[in-house]
Amino acid sequence: MITIWQRLVCSLIYIVPWADALQYGNNLYYNFPISKLLIFPAIPIIFVKNSLPLGSLLLFLFLFLGIARNQQIPYFLRLNTMQALLINLILIIFNYLTILFTLIFGNLQILETIELIIFISTLSTIIFACIQSLRGLEPDLPGISNSAKIQI
């Protein structure tokens, strides 16, 4: 039985990758100022990452070692934490690729389009995962769920 607190914590875990995905929405924030409201849920995570030295690394290690690999924590919470961390790793890889393409090709319109696609797909993935977590169901994210299950 998955308790209410597990459901809430699992849905809140997905704010961690959302904090990293916010950088891809700059063009959307400029064209649609109301979309800046999407930033508010991630403010505590951004504050922790920026206020601590190596805050991103410490947060990752806490979530990975403290929750995802801890056998005393319920499976549902460990699975959702691992999925959030895998989404976060994918976003980090996209960040490095974006930096690389910007250095090589300059600031092209196609890069803005790709960043918007990354932003919207991350938003939809996180909304889906949060809703499934609140319902008490395992979010079945293609590719990510199988990798998360293997890791835990």
C-alpha atoms as a PDB file:
ATOM      1  CA  MET A   1       0.000   0.000   0.000  1.00  0.00           C
ATOM      2  CA  ILE A   2       1.394   3.345  -1.062  1.00  0.00           C
ATOM      3  CA  THR A   3       0.656   5.994   1.543  1.00  0.00           C
ATOM      4  CA  ILE A   4      -0.334   9.589   0.904  1.00  0.00           C
ATOM      5  CA  TRP A   5       3.014  10.964   2.097  1.00  0.00           C
ATOM      6  CA  GLN A   6       4.851   8.661  -0.317  1.00  0.00           C
ATOM      7  CA  ARG A   7       2.698   9.912  -3.177  1.00  0.00           C
ATOM      8  CA  LEU A   8       3.322  13.560  -2.266  1.00  0.00           C
ATOM      9  CA  VAL A   9       7.068  13.130  -1.794  1.00  0.00           C
ATOM     10  CA  CYS A  10       7.336  11.234  -5.070  1.00  0.00           C
ATOM     11  CA  SER A  11       5.595  13.988  -6.960  1.00  0.00           C
ATOM     12  CA  LEU A  12       7.775  16.631  -5.285  1.00  0.00           C
ATOM     13  CA  ILE A  13      10.980  14.772  -6.225  1.00  0.00           C
ATOM     14  CA  TYR A  14      10.323  15.667  -9.865  1.00  0.00           C
ATOM     15  CA  ILE A  15      10.961  19.337  -9.053  1.00  0.00           C
ATOM     16  CA  VAL A  16      14.693  18.544  -9.122  1.00  0.00           C
ATOM     17  CA  PRO A  17      14.860  17.925 -12.900  1.00  0.00           C
ATOM     18  CA  TRP A  18      12.362  20.730 -13.427  1.00  0.00           C
ATOM     19  CA  ALA A  19      14.831  23.168 -11.867  1.00  0.00           C
ATOM     20  CA  ASP A  20      17.375  22.184 -14.530  1.00  0.00           C
ATOM     21  CA  ALA A  21      14.839  22.321 -17.368  1.00  0.00           C
ATOM     22  CA  LEU A  22      13.860  25.925 -16.663  1.00  0.00           C
ATOM     23  CA  GLN A  23      16.868  27.276 -18.560  1.00  0.00           C
ATOM     24  CA  TYR A  24      15.408  25.986 -21.822  1.00  0.00           C
ATOM     25  CA  GLY A  25      12.261  28.071 -21.484  1.00  0.00           C
ATOM     26  CA  ASN A  26      13.857  31.519 -21.847  1.00  0.00           C
ATOM     27  CA  ASN A  27      12.321  32.120 -25.263  1.00  0.00           C
ATOM     28  CA  LEU A  28       8.915  31.037 -23.942  1.00  0.00           C
ATOM     29  CA  TYR A  29       9.204  33.348 -20.922  1.00  0.00           C
ATOM     30  CA  TYR A  30      10.007  36.255 -23.218  1.00  0.00           C
ATOM     31  CA  ASN A  31       7.058  35.652 -25.570  1.00  0.00           C
ATOM     32  CA  PHE A  32       4.552  34.576 -22.904  1.00  0.00           C
ATOM     33  CA  PRO A  33       5.296  36.314 -19.585  1.00  0.00           C
ATOM     34  CA  ILE A  34       2.568  34.326 -17.777  1.00  0.00           C
ATOM     35  CA  SER A  35       4.715  31.216 -18.275  1.00  0.00           C
ATOM     36  CA  LYS A  36       7.138  32.609 -15.669  1.00  0.00           C
ATOM     37  CA  LEU A  37       4.753  31.121 -13.109  1.00  0.00           C
ATOM     38  CA  LEU A  38       6.291  27.750 -13.974  1.00  0.00           C
ATOM     39  CA  ILE A  39       9.466  28.886 -12.204  1.00  0.00           C
ATOM     40  CA  PHE A  40       7.914  29.130  -8.727  1.00  0.00           C
ATOM     41  CA  PRO A  41       7.814  25.411  -7.827  1.00  0.00           C
ATOM     42  CA  ALA A  42      11.556  25.121  -8.496  1.00  0.00           C
ATOM     43  CA  ILE A  43      12.665  28.115  -6.424  1.00  0.00           C
ATOM     44  CA  PRO A  44      13.600  26.062  -3.296  1.00  0.00           C
ATOM     45  CA  ILE A  45      15.721  23.655  -5.353  1.00  0.00           C
ATOM     46  CA  ILE A  46      17.408  26.525  -7.202  1.00  0.00           C
ATOM     47  CA  PHE A  47      18.105  28.197  -3.862  1.00  0.00           C
ATOM     48  CA  VAL A  48      19.714  25.029  -2.451  1.00  0.00           C
ATOM     49  CA  LYS A  49      21.800  24.493  -5.587  1.00  0.00           C
ATOM     50  CA  ASN A  50      23.053  28.081  -5.652  1.00  0.00           C
ATOM     51  CA  SER A  51      23.573  28.665  -1.931  1.00  0.00           C
ATOM     52  CA  LEU A  52      25.731  25.633  -1.180  1.00  0.00           C
ATOM     53  CA  PRO A  53      29.153  25.107  -2.686  1.00  0.00           C
ATOM     54  CA  LEU A  54      28.741  22.179  -5.081  1.00  0.00           C
ATOM     55  CA  GLY A  55      25.009  22.291  -4.315  1.00  0.00           C
ATOM     56  CA  SER A  56      24.012  20.351  -7.426  1.00  0.00           C
ATOM     57  CA  LEU A  57      26.460  17.568  -6.648  1.00  0.00           C
ATOM     58  CA  LEU A  58      25.412  17.405  -2.997  1.00  0.00           C
ATOM     59  CA  LEU A  59      21.724  17.265  -3.951  1.00  0.00           C
ATOM     60  CA  PHE A  60      22.430  14.515  -6.486  1.00  0.00           C
ATOM     61  CA  LEU A  61      24.439  12.480  -3.973  1.00  0.00           C
ATOM     62  CA  PHE A  62      21.762  12.906  -1.309  1.00  0.00           C
ATOM     63  CA  LEU A  63      19.021  11.727  -3.654  1.00  0.00           C
ATOM     64  CA  PHE A  64      21.076   8.906  -5.146  1.00  0.00           C
ATOM     65  CA  LEU A  65      22.755   7.521  -2.043  1.00  0.00           C
ATOM     66  CA  GLY A  66      20.260   8.630   0.577  1.00  0.00           C
ATOM     67  CA  ILE A  67      17.045   7.663  -1.163  1.00  0.00           C
ATOM     68  CA  ALA A  68      17.482   5.708  -4.403  1.00  0.00           C
ATOM     69  CA  ARG A  69      20.046   3.217  -3.062  1.00  0.00           C
ATOM     70  CA  ASN A  70      18.690   2.990   0.490  1.00  0.00           C
ATOM     71  CA  GLN A  71      16.876  -0.348   0.884  1.00  0.00           C
ATOM     72  CA  GLN A  72      15.006   0.897   3.967  1.00  0.00           C
ATOM     73  CA  ILE A  73      13.079   3.445   1.896  1.00  0.00           C
ATOM     74  CA  PRO A  74       9.913   2.189   0.142  1.00  0.00           C
ATOM     75  CA  TYR A  75      10.331   0.938  -3.421  1.00  0.00           C
ATOM     76  CA  PHE A  76       7.872   3.466  -4.871  1.00  0.00           C
ATOM     77  CA  LEU A  77       9.888   6.393  -3.517  1.00  0.00           C
ATOM     78  CA  ARG A  78      13.209   4.911  -4.644  1.00  0.00           C
ATOM     79  CA  LEU A  79      11.889   4.268  -8.164  1.00  0.00           C
ATOM     80  CA  ASN A  80      10.536   7.787  -8.591  1.00  0.00           C
ATOM     81  CA  THR A  81      13.738   9.291  -7.219  1.00  0.00           C
ATOM     82  CA  MET A  82      15.832   7.286  -9.653  1.00  0.00           C
ATOM     83  CA  GLN A  83      13.584   8.319 -12.554  1.00  0.00           C
ATOM     84  CA  ALA A  84      13.897  11.980 -11.551  1.00  0.00           C
ATOM     85  CA  LEU A  85      17.678  11.627 -11.383  1.00  0.00           C
ATOM     86  CA  LEU A  86      17.792   9.985 -14.818  1.00  0.00           C
ATOM     87  CA  ILE A  87      15.684  12.809 -16.283  1.00  0.00           C
ATOM     88  CA  ASN A  88      18.102  15.226 -14.638  1.00  0.00           C
ATOM     89  CA  LEU A  89      21.103  13.450 -16.180  1.00  0.00           C
ATOM     90  CA  ILE A  90      19.486  13.603 -19.616  1.00  0.00           C
ATOM     91  CA  LEU A  91      18.987  17.348 -19.148  1.00  0.00           C
ATOM     92  CA  ILE A  92      22.633  17.769 -18.143  1.00  0.00           C
ATOM     93  CA  ILE A  93      23.714  15.982 -21.322  1.00  0.00           C
ATOM     94  CA  PHE A  94      21.408  18.232 -23.372  1.00  0.00           C
ATOM     95  CA  ASN A  95      22.928  21.250 -21.622  1.00  0.00           C
ATOM     96  CA  TYR A  96      26.444  20.249 -22.655  1.00  0.00           C
ATOM     97  CA  LEU A  97      25.315  19.530 -26.216  1.00  0.00           C
ATOM     98  CA  THR A  98      23.594  22.920 -26.395  1.00  0.00           C
ATOM     99  CA  ILE A  99      26.760  24.654 -25.210  1.00  0.00           C
ATOM    100  CA  LEU A 100      28.822  22.708 -27.742  1.00  0.00           C
ATOM    101  CA  PHE A 101      26.510  23.536 -30.668  1.00  0.00           C
ATOM    102  CA  THR A 102      26.387  27.188 -29.628  1.00  0.00           C
ATOM    103  CA  LEU A 103      30.186  27.361 -29.633  1.00  0.00           C
ATOM    104  CA  ILE A 104      30.457  25.617 -33.000  1.00  0.00           C
ATOM    105  CA  PHE A 105      27.552  27.103 -34.949  1.00  0.00           C
ATOM    106  CA  GLY A 106      26.707  30.265 -33.018  1.00  0.00           C
ATOM    107  CA  ASN A 107      23.221  31.179 -31.895  1.00  0.00           C
ATOM    108  CA  LEU A 108      20.991  29.689 -34.593  1.00  0.00           C
ATOM    109  CA  GLN A 109      17.200  29.665 -34.720  1.00  0.00           C
ATOM    110  CA  ILE A 110      17.219  25.861 -34.753  1.00  0.00           C
ATOM    111  CA  LEU A 111      18.895  25.837 -31.328  1.00  0.00           C
ATOM    112  CA  GLU A 112      16.062  27.944 -29.903  1.00  0.00           C
ATOM    113  CA  THR A 113      13.579  25.488 -31.393  1.00  0.00           C
ATOM    114  CA  ILE A 114      15.434  22.513 -29.920  1.00  0.00           C
ATOM    115  CA  GLU A 115      15.564  24.210 -26.513  1.00  0.00           C
ATOM    116  CA  LEU A 116      11.818  24.814 -26.656  1.00  0.00           C
ATOM    117  CA  ILE A 117      11.219  21.167 -27.579  1.00  0.00           C
ATOM    118  CA  ILE A 118      13.373  20.065 -24.628  1.00  0.00           C
ATOM    119  CA  PHE A 119      11.458  22.409 -22.319  1.00  0.00           C
ATOM    120  CA  ILE A 120       7.995  21.303 -23.416  1.00  0.00           C
ATOM    121  CA  SER A 121       8.864  17.601 -23.452  1.00  0.00           C
ATOM    122  CA  THR A 122      10.381  17.844 -19.967  1.00  0.00           C
ATOM    123  CA  LEU A 123       7.324  19.726 -18.735  1.00  0.00           C
ATOM    124  CA  SER A 124       4.967  17.100 -20.124  1.00  0.00           C
ATOM    125  CA  THR A 125       7.095  14.252 -18.748  1.00  0.00           C
ATOM    126  CA  ILE A 126       7.178  15.779 -15.283  1.00  0.00           C
ATOM    127  CA  ILE A 127       3.449  16.506 -15.282  1.00  0.00           C
ATOM    128  CA  PHE A 128       2.750  12.908 -16.308  1.00  0.00           C
ATOM    129  CA  ALA A 129       5.101  11.500 -13.669  1.00  0.00           C
ATOM    130  CA  CYS A 130       3.641  13.721 -10.928  1.00  0.00           C
ATOM    131  CA  ILE A 131       0.062  12.765 -11.785  1.00  0.00           C
ATOM    132  CA  GLN A 132       0.923   9.065 -11.880  1.00  0.00           C
ATOM    133  CA  SER A 133       2.774   9.369  -8.563  1.00  0.00           C
ATOM    134  CA  LEU A 134      -0.166  11.142  -6.943  1.00  0.00           C
ATOM    135  CA  ARG A 135      -2.439   8.348  -8.190  1.00  0.00           C
ATOM    136  CA  GLY A 136      -0.122   5.789  -6.602  1.00  0.00           C
ATOM    137  CA  LEU A 137       0.955   4.285  -9.918  1.00  0.00           C
ATOM    138  CA  GLU A 138       4.471   3.820 -11.204  1.00  0.00           C
ATOM    139  CA  PRO A 139       5.113   6.330 -14.012  1.00  0.00           C
ATOM    140  CA  ASP A 140       6.052   4.295 -17.074  1.00  0.00           C
ATOM    141  CA  LEU A 141       8.473   6.568 -18.906  1.00  0.00           C
ATOM    142  CA  PRO A 142       9.895   4.910 -22.041  1.00  0.00           C
ATOM    143  CA  GLY A 143      13.544   4.022 -21.561  1.00  0.00           C
ATOM    144  CA  ILE A 144      13.804   5.766 -18.215  1.00  0.00           C
ATOM    145  CA  SER A 145      11.607   3.409 -16.194  1.00  0.00           C
ATOM    146  CA  ASN A 146      13.499   0.301 -17.252  1.00  0.00           C
ATOM    147  CA  SER A 147      16.841   1.947 -16.490  1.00  0.00           C
ATOM    148  CA  ALA A 148      15.567   3.092 -13.095  1.00  0.00           C
ATOM    149  CA  LYS A 149      14.315  -0.390 -12.225  1.00  0.00           C
ATOM    150  CA  ILE A 150      17.673  -1.881 -13.157  1.00  0.00           C
ATOM    151  CA  GLN A 151      19.507   0.633 -10.965  1.00  0.00           C
ATOM    152  CA  ILE A 152      17.493  -0.077  -7.822  1.00  0.00           C
END
